[in-house]
Amino acid sequence: MVLMVCGGKVEVDHLSIEEKLQFSSLKQHTKNLDLWPLFKEWKDKSGEYISDISSFYHLLRQQVARETGLAIADLDDSPGLTSQFARTIFIDACDHAFFGYNGFEGVDYAISLPRIDWHELRFDGYTIASADDKKQLKKCQEVHQRMMDYFRDPNNYPKEFQLSVDIWPKLKGLESKIFLSLQKLIIKRSFFGHCELCPD
């Protein structure tokens, strides 16, 4: 998928399959099918979805830094949050909102001491924060747990996340319609006397 950013919004320019000769030939032979308006709508909605979900992730990264008072620093031996801090909250929120999964519910936190005067906050096997002060990591754990609980509730979704949640079923519906159109084309190819590509 090739993406472009125009006016702060993501647009799906084209899929890699669109570069293939067979795709161009199929499009030329079937230009009057409802498949192509559906495909264009799917690309437009996909761009909206990627824009909104990316904005939500960006907001999460800003919020975790603000609430913990620590910067996101993924370098070894650097105190602060790792990218996994915001990422695990993001995955958990998406699991609940899009798929109805429990996400990371029931997962425990652990503070390890990999060496003297250095502590790591771990969550589900991920290091989500590091510091020389254990108390600082206790605060990080409280913030992480609070944010996980907060974003599991649909009433707390920020606008960007709610928009992506609203677009998701529309994308799935378009994918089903596109799949059905392609299945019809495949069936037509099996009848003697029909062009392998033309729908009629």
C-alpha atoms as a PDB file:
ATOM      1  CA  MET A   1       0.000   0.000   0.000  1.00  0.00           C
ATOM      2  CA  VAL A   2       1.461   3.360  -1.045  1.00  0.00           C
ATOM      3  CA  LEU A   3       0.279   6.214   1.159  1.00  0.00           C
ATOM      4  CA  MET A   4       0.414   9.977   0.619  1.00  0.00           C
ATOM      5  CA  VAL A   5      -0.147  12.726   3.155  1.00  0.00           C
ATOM      6  CA  CYS A   6      -2.178  15.649   1.825  1.00  0.00           C
ATOM      7  CA  GLY A   7      -3.222  18.487   4.130  1.00  0.00           C
ATOM      8  CA  GLY A   8      -2.429  16.400   7.210  1.00  0.00           C
ATOM      9  CA  LYS A   9      -4.641  13.529   6.041  1.00  0.00           C
ATOM     10  CA  VAL A  10      -3.484  10.152   4.740  1.00  0.00           C
ATOM     11  CA  GLU A  11      -4.625   9.032   1.301  1.00  0.00           C
ATOM     12  CA  VAL A  12      -4.133   5.588  -0.203  1.00  0.00           C
ATOM     13  CA  ASP A  13      -2.435   6.375  -3.503  1.00  0.00           C
ATOM     14  CA  HIS A  14      -2.412   2.808  -4.761  1.00  0.00           C
ATOM     15  CA  LEU A  15      -1.881  -0.815  -3.779  1.00  0.00           C
ATOM     16  CA  SER A  16       1.148  -2.686  -5.050  1.00  0.00           C
ATOM     17  CA  ILE A  17      -1.150  -5.015  -7.025  1.00  0.00           C
ATOM     18  CA  GLU A  18      -2.293  -2.018  -9.100  1.00  0.00           C
ATOM     19  CA  GLU A  19       1.184  -1.884 -10.668  1.00  0.00           C
ATOM     20  CA  LYS A  20       0.740  -5.319 -12.246  1.00  0.00           C
ATOM     21  CA  LEU A  21      -0.265  -5.679 -15.895  1.00  0.00           C
ATOM     22  CA  GLN A  22      -3.083  -8.103 -15.035  1.00  0.00           C
ATOM     23  CA  PHE A  23      -4.699  -5.484 -12.809  1.00  0.00           C
ATOM     24  CA  SER A  24      -4.669  -2.870 -15.598  1.00  0.00           C
ATOM     25  CA  SER A  25      -6.070  -5.409 -18.024  1.00  0.00           C
ATOM     26  CA  LEU A  26      -8.817  -6.432 -15.604  1.00  0.00           C
ATOM     27  CA  LYS A  27      -9.742  -2.801 -15.016  1.00  0.00           C
ATOM     28  CA  GLN A  28      -9.902  -2.080 -18.754  1.00  0.00           C
ATOM     29  CA  HIS A  29     -12.088  -5.120 -19.469  1.00  0.00           C
ATOM     30  CA  THR A  30     -14.421  -4.512 -16.538  1.00  0.00           C
ATOM     31  CA  LYS A  31     -14.573  -0.727 -16.379  1.00  0.00           C
ATOM     32  CA  ASN A  32     -18.377  -0.668 -16.152  1.00  0.00           C
ATOM     33  CA  LEU A  33     -18.626  -2.952 -13.130  1.00  0.00           C
ATOM     34  CA  ASP A  34     -19.626  -1.646  -9.700  1.00  0.00           C
ATOM     35  CA  LEU A  35     -16.345  -3.150  -8.469  1.00  0.00           C
ATOM     36  CA  TRP A  36     -14.357   0.007  -9.276  1.00  0.00           C
ATOM     37  CA  PRO A  37     -16.477   2.562  -7.400  1.00  0.00           C
ATOM     38  CA  LEU A  38     -16.396   0.142  -4.450  1.00  0.00           C
ATOM     39  CA  PHE A  39     -12.617  -0.146  -4.720  1.00  0.00           C
ATOM     40  CA  LYS A  40     -12.215   3.641  -4.830  1.00  0.00           C
ATOM     41  CA  GLU A  41     -14.497   4.046  -1.814  1.00  0.00           C
ATOM     42  CA  TRP A  42     -12.480   1.392   0.061  1.00  0.00           C
ATOM     43  CA  LYS A  43      -9.239   3.273  -0.648  1.00  0.00           C
ATOM     44  CA  ASP A  44     -10.776   6.576   0.499  1.00  0.00           C
ATOM     45  CA  LYS A  45     -12.132   5.027   3.708  1.00  0.00           C
ATOM     46  CA  SER A  46      -8.815   3.248   4.336  1.00  0.00           C
ATOM     47  CA  GLY A  47      -7.021   6.590   4.152  1.00  0.00           C
ATOM     48  CA  GLU A  48      -9.475   8.090   6.650  1.00  0.00           C
ATOM     49  CA  TYR A  49      -9.056   5.102   8.954  1.00  0.00           C
ATOM     50  CA  ILE A  50      -5.243   5.275   8.874  1.00  0.00           C
ATOM     51  CA  SER A  51      -5.335   9.048   9.507  1.00  0.00           C
ATOM     52  CA  ASP A  52      -7.652   8.715  12.496  1.00  0.00           C
ATOM     53  CA  ILE A  53      -5.959   5.714  14.108  1.00  0.00           C
ATOM     54  CA  SER A  54      -2.529   7.330  13.636  1.00  0.00           C
ATOM     55  CA  SER A  55      -3.784  10.521  15.284  1.00  0.00           C
ATOM     56  CA  PHE A  56      -5.051   8.496  18.239  1.00  0.00           C
ATOM     57  CA  TYR A  57      -1.651   6.797  18.627  1.00  0.00           C
ATOM     58  CA  HIS A  58       0.109  10.170  18.468  1.00  0.00           C
ATOM     59  CA  LEU A  59      -2.223  11.540  21.166  1.00  0.00           C
ATOM     60  CA  LEU A  60      -1.471   8.508  23.357  1.00  0.00           C
ATOM     61  CA  ARG A  61       2.275   9.082  23.052  1.00  0.00           C
ATOM     62  CA  GLN A  62       1.852  12.714  24.092  1.00  0.00           C
ATOM     63  CA  GLN A  63      -0.448  11.813  26.984  1.00  0.00           C
ATOM     64  CA  VAL A  64       1.821   9.120  28.471  1.00  0.00           C
ATOM     65  CA  ALA A  65       4.794  11.489  28.439  1.00  0.00           C
ATOM     66  CA  ARG A  66       2.710  14.241  30.052  1.00  0.00           C
ATOM     67  CA  GLU A  67       1.188  12.043  32.769  1.00  0.00           C
ATOM     68  CA  THR A  68       4.376  10.214  33.745  1.00  0.00           C
ATOM     69  CA  GLY A  69       6.659  13.226  33.379  1.00  0.00           C
ATOM     70  CA  LEU A  70       9.068  11.031  31.404  1.00  0.00           C
ATOM     71  CA  ALA A  71      10.095  11.233  27.786  1.00  0.00           C
ATOM     72  CA  ILE A  72       9.871   8.274  25.411  1.00  0.00           C
ATOM     73  CA  ALA A  73      13.477   7.125  25.011  1.00  0.00           C
ATOM     74  CA  ASP A  74      14.128   3.710  23.502  1.00  0.00           C
ATOM     75  CA  LEU A  75      17.901   3.897  23.786  1.00  0.00           C
ATOM     76  CA  ASP A  76      19.593   1.406  26.103  1.00  0.00           C
ATOM     77  CA  ASP A  77      20.531   2.842  29.491  1.00  0.00           C
ATOM     78  CA  SER A  78      18.277   5.859  28.924  1.00  0.00           C
ATOM     79  CA  PRO A  79      15.784   6.509  31.698  1.00  0.00           C
ATOM     80  CA  GLY A  80      12.234   7.024  30.543  1.00  0.00           C
ATOM     81  CA  LEU A  81       9.440   5.262  28.736  1.00  0.00           C
ATOM     82  CA  THR A  82       9.915   2.858  25.877  1.00  0.00           C
ATOM     83  CA  SER A  83       7.638   3.001  22.848  1.00  0.00           C
ATOM     84  CA  GLN A  84       5.958  -0.127  24.271  1.00  0.00           C
ATOM     85  CA  PHE A  85       4.369   1.988  27.005  1.00  0.00           C
ATOM     86  CA  ALA A  86       1.997   3.756  24.596  1.00  0.00           C
ATOM     87  CA  ARG A  87       1.914   0.834  22.151  1.00  0.00           C
ATOM     88  CA  THR A  88       0.491  -1.634  24.687  1.00  0.00           C
ATOM     89  CA  ILE A  89      -2.261   0.835  25.647  1.00  0.00           C
ATOM     90  CA  PHE A  90      -3.002   1.372  21.945  1.00  0.00           C
ATOM     91  CA  ILE A  91      -3.169  -2.383  21.195  1.00  0.00           C
ATOM     92  CA  ASP A  92      -5.396  -2.995  24.205  1.00  0.00           C
ATOM     93  CA  ALA A  93      -7.808  -0.204  23.200  1.00  0.00           C
ATOM     94  CA  CYS A  94      -7.961  -1.520  19.611  1.00  0.00           C
ATOM     95  CA  ASP A  95      -8.478  -5.128  20.754  1.00  0.00           C
ATOM     96  CA  HIS A  96     -11.465  -4.058  22.837  1.00  0.00           C
ATOM     97  CA  ALA A  97     -12.957  -1.627  20.307  1.00  0.00           C
ATOM     98  CA  PHE A  98     -12.525  -3.524  17.039  1.00  0.00           C
ATOM     99  CA  PHE A  99     -12.459  -7.198  17.951  1.00  0.00           C
ATOM    100  CA  GLY A 100     -14.128  -7.526  21.357  1.00  0.00           C
ATOM    101  CA  TYR A 101     -10.991  -9.165  22.782  1.00  0.00           C
ATOM    102  CA  ASN A 102      -9.966  -8.709  26.381  1.00  0.00           C
ATOM    103  CA  GLY A 103      -6.600  -7.404  25.249  1.00  0.00           C
ATOM    104  CA  PHE A 104      -4.109  -7.323  28.088  1.00  0.00           C
ATOM    105  CA  GLU A 105      -6.669  -7.764  30.881  1.00  0.00           C
ATOM    106  CA  GLY A 106      -5.231  -9.818  33.738  1.00  0.00           C
ATOM    107  CA  VAL A 107      -1.605  -9.264  32.728  1.00  0.00           C
ATOM    108  CA  ASP A 108       0.710  -8.486  35.632  1.00  0.00           C
ATOM    109  CA  TYR A 109       3.395  -5.842  36.001  1.00  0.00           C
ATOM    110  CA  ALA A 110       6.863  -6.550  37.341  1.00  0.00           C
ATOM    111  CA  ILE A 111       9.751  -4.304  38.310  1.00  0.00           C
ATOM    112  CA  SER A 112      13.064  -6.023  37.678  1.00  0.00           C
ATOM    113  CA  LEU A 113      16.583  -5.065  38.716  1.00  0.00           C
ATOM    114  CA  PRO A 114      18.825  -6.065  35.790  1.00  0.00           C
ATOM    115  CA  ARG A 115      21.789  -4.375  37.479  1.00  0.00           C
ATOM    116  CA  ILE A 116      22.518  -2.308  40.571  1.00  0.00           C
ATOM    117  CA  ASP A 117      20.686   1.047  40.642  1.00  0.00           C
ATOM    118  CA  TRP A 118      18.737   0.307  37.464  1.00  0.00           C
ATOM    119  CA  HIS A 119      15.090  -0.754  37.418  1.00  0.00           C
ATOM    120  CA  GLU A 120      12.842  -1.795  34.559  1.00  0.00           C
ATOM    121  CA  LEU A 121       9.050  -1.858  34.554  1.00  0.00           C
ATOM    122  CA  ARG A 122       7.875  -4.858  32.574  1.00  0.00           C
ATOM    123  CA  PHE A 123       4.397  -5.612  31.272  1.00  0.00           C
ATOM    124  CA  ASP A 124       3.536  -8.851  29.445  1.00  0.00           C
ATOM    125  CA  GLY A 125       7.220  -9.412  28.682  1.00  0.00           C
ATOM    126  CA  TYR A 126       7.739  -5.870  27.361  1.00  0.00           C
ATOM    127  CA  THR A 127       9.963  -3.330  29.071  1.00  0.00           C
ATOM    128  CA  ILE A 128       7.742  -0.254  29.174  1.00  0.00           C
ATOM    129  CA  ALA A 129       9.866   2.051  31.371  1.00  0.00           C
ATOM    130  CA  SER A 130      13.348   2.243  32.885  1.00  0.00           C
ATOM    131  CA  ALA A 131      14.749   4.385  35.696  1.00  0.00           C
ATOM    132  CA  ASP A 132      17.245   4.397  38.528  1.00  0.00           C
ATOM    133  CA  ASP A 133      14.413   5.249  40.937  1.00  0.00           C
ATOM    134  CA  LYS A 134      11.960   2.429  41.690  1.00  0.00           C
ATOM    135  CA  LYS A 135       9.335   4.895  42.957  1.00  0.00           C
ATOM    136  CA  GLN A 136       9.261   6.565  39.570  1.00  0.00           C
ATOM    137  CA  LEU A 137       8.403   3.225  37.977  1.00  0.00           C
ATOM    138  CA  LYS A 138       5.611   2.656  40.499  1.00  0.00           C
ATOM    139  CA  LYS A 139       4.078   5.922  39.274  1.00  0.00           C
ATOM    140  CA  CYS A 140       4.521   4.760  35.660  1.00  0.00           C
ATOM    141  CA  GLN A 141       2.713   1.521  36.488  1.00  0.00           C
ATOM    142  CA  GLU A 142      -0.200   3.445  38.000  1.00  0.00           C
ATOM    143  CA  VAL A 143      -0.449   5.705  34.926  1.00  0.00           C
ATOM    144  CA  HIS A 144      -0.249   2.747  32.529  1.00  0.00           C
ATOM    145  CA  GLN A 145      -2.962   0.782  34.354  1.00  0.00           C
ATOM    146  CA  ARG A 146      -5.215   3.844  34.642  1.00  0.00           C
ATOM    147  CA  MET A 147      -4.887   4.611  30.919  1.00  0.00           C
ATOM    148  CA  MET A 148      -5.541   0.987  29.969  1.00  0.00           C
ATOM    149  CA  ASP A 149      -8.752   1.004  32.025  1.00  0.00           C
ATOM    150  CA  TYR A 150      -9.766   4.433  30.713  1.00  0.00           C
ATOM    151  CA  PHE A 151      -9.487   3.585  27.001  1.00  0.00           C
ATOM    152  CA  ARG A 152     -11.363   0.311  27.389  1.00  0.00           C
ATOM    153  CA  ASP A 153     -14.528   2.343  27.963  1.00  0.00           C
ATOM    154  CA  PRO A 154     -16.158   3.518  24.686  1.00  0.00           C
ATOM    155  CA  ASN A 155     -17.424   6.622  26.505  1.00  0.00           C
ATOM    156  CA  ASN A 156     -13.807   7.785  26.873  1.00  0.00           C
ATOM    157  CA  TYR A 157     -12.733   7.448  23.242  1.00  0.00           C
ATOM    158  CA  PRO A 158     -11.192  10.643  21.876  1.00  0.00           C
ATOM    159  CA  LYS A 159     -12.730  11.917  18.637  1.00  0.00           C
ATOM    160  CA  GLU A 160      -9.925  10.456  16.480  1.00  0.00           C
ATOM    161  CA  PHE A 161     -10.321   6.978  17.923  1.00  0.00           C
ATOM    162  CA  GLN A 162     -14.136   7.091  17.714  1.00  0.00           C
ATOM    163  CA  LEU A 163     -13.892   8.035  14.018  1.00  0.00           C
ATOM    164  CA  SER A 164     -11.652   5.038  13.309  1.00  0.00           C
ATOM    165  CA  VAL A 165     -14.033   2.750  15.250  1.00  0.00           C
ATOM    166  CA  ASP A 166     -16.954   4.090  13.167  1.00  0.00           C
ATOM    167  CA  ILE A 167     -15.122   3.555   9.858  1.00  0.00           C
ATOM    168  CA  TRP A 168     -14.032  -0.006  10.664  1.00  0.00           C
ATOM    169  CA  PRO A 169     -17.381  -1.784   9.942  1.00  0.00           C
ATOM    170  CA  LYS A 170     -17.796   0.255   6.744  1.00  0.00           C
ATOM    171  CA  LEU A 171     -14.381  -0.948   5.550  1.00  0.00           C
ATOM    172  CA  LYS A 172     -15.296  -4.562   6.362  1.00  0.00           C
ATOM    173  CA  GLY A 173     -18.604  -4.154   4.484  1.00  0.00           C
ATOM    174  CA  LEU A 174     -16.822  -2.764   1.416  1.00  0.00           C
ATOM    175  CA  GLU A 175     -14.315  -5.622   1.520  1.00  0.00           C
ATOM    176  CA  SER A 176     -17.188  -8.139   1.473  1.00  0.00           C
ATOM    177  CA  LYS A 177     -18.802  -6.435  -1.525  1.00  0.00           C
ATOM    178  CA  ILE A 178     -15.489  -6.292  -3.410  1.00  0.00           C
ATOM    179  CA  PHE A 179     -14.848  -9.967  -2.663  1.00  0.00           C
ATOM    180  CA  LEU A 180     -18.324 -10.879  -3.955  1.00  0.00           C
ATOM    181  CA  SER A 181     -17.740  -8.921  -7.205  1.00  0.00           C
ATOM    182  CA  LEU A 182     -14.435 -10.720  -7.742  1.00  0.00           C
ATOM    183  CA  GLN A 183     -16.063 -14.095  -7.050  1.00  0.00           C
ATOM    184  CA  LYS A 184     -18.699 -13.359  -9.727  1.00  0.00           C
ATOM    185  CA  LEU A 185     -15.926 -12.634 -12.237  1.00  0.00           C
ATOM    186  CA  ILE A 186     -14.212 -15.912 -11.404  1.00  0.00           C
ATOM    187  CA  ILE A 187     -17.478 -17.845 -11.930  1.00  0.00           C
ATOM    188  CA  LYS A 188     -18.107 -16.159 -15.312  1.00  0.00           C
ATOM    189  CA  ARG A 189     -14.698 -17.317 -16.527  1.00  0.00           C
ATOM    190  CA  SER A 190     -15.790 -20.936 -16.091  1.00  0.00           C
ATOM    191  CA  PHE A 191     -18.544 -20.695 -18.773  1.00  0.00           C
ATOM    192  CA  PHE A 192     -17.558 -21.670 -22.319  1.00  0.00           C
ATOM    193  CA  GLY A 193     -17.629 -18.824 -24.850  1.00  0.00           C
ATOM    194  CA  HIS A 194     -17.013 -16.035 -22.364  1.00  0.00           C
ATOM    195  CA  CYS A 195     -13.905 -13.876 -22.359  1.00  0.00           C
ATOM    196  CA  GLU A 196     -11.743 -14.755 -19.354  1.00  0.00           C
ATOM    197  CA  LEU A 197     -11.859 -11.138 -18.215  1.00  0.00           C
ATOM    198  CA  CYS A 198     -14.987  -9.517 -19.633  1.00  0.00           C
ATOM    199  CA  PRO A 199     -18.038  -9.721 -17.371  1.00  0.00           C
ATOM    200  CA  ASP A 200     -20.422 -10.157 -20.338  1.00  0.00           C
END
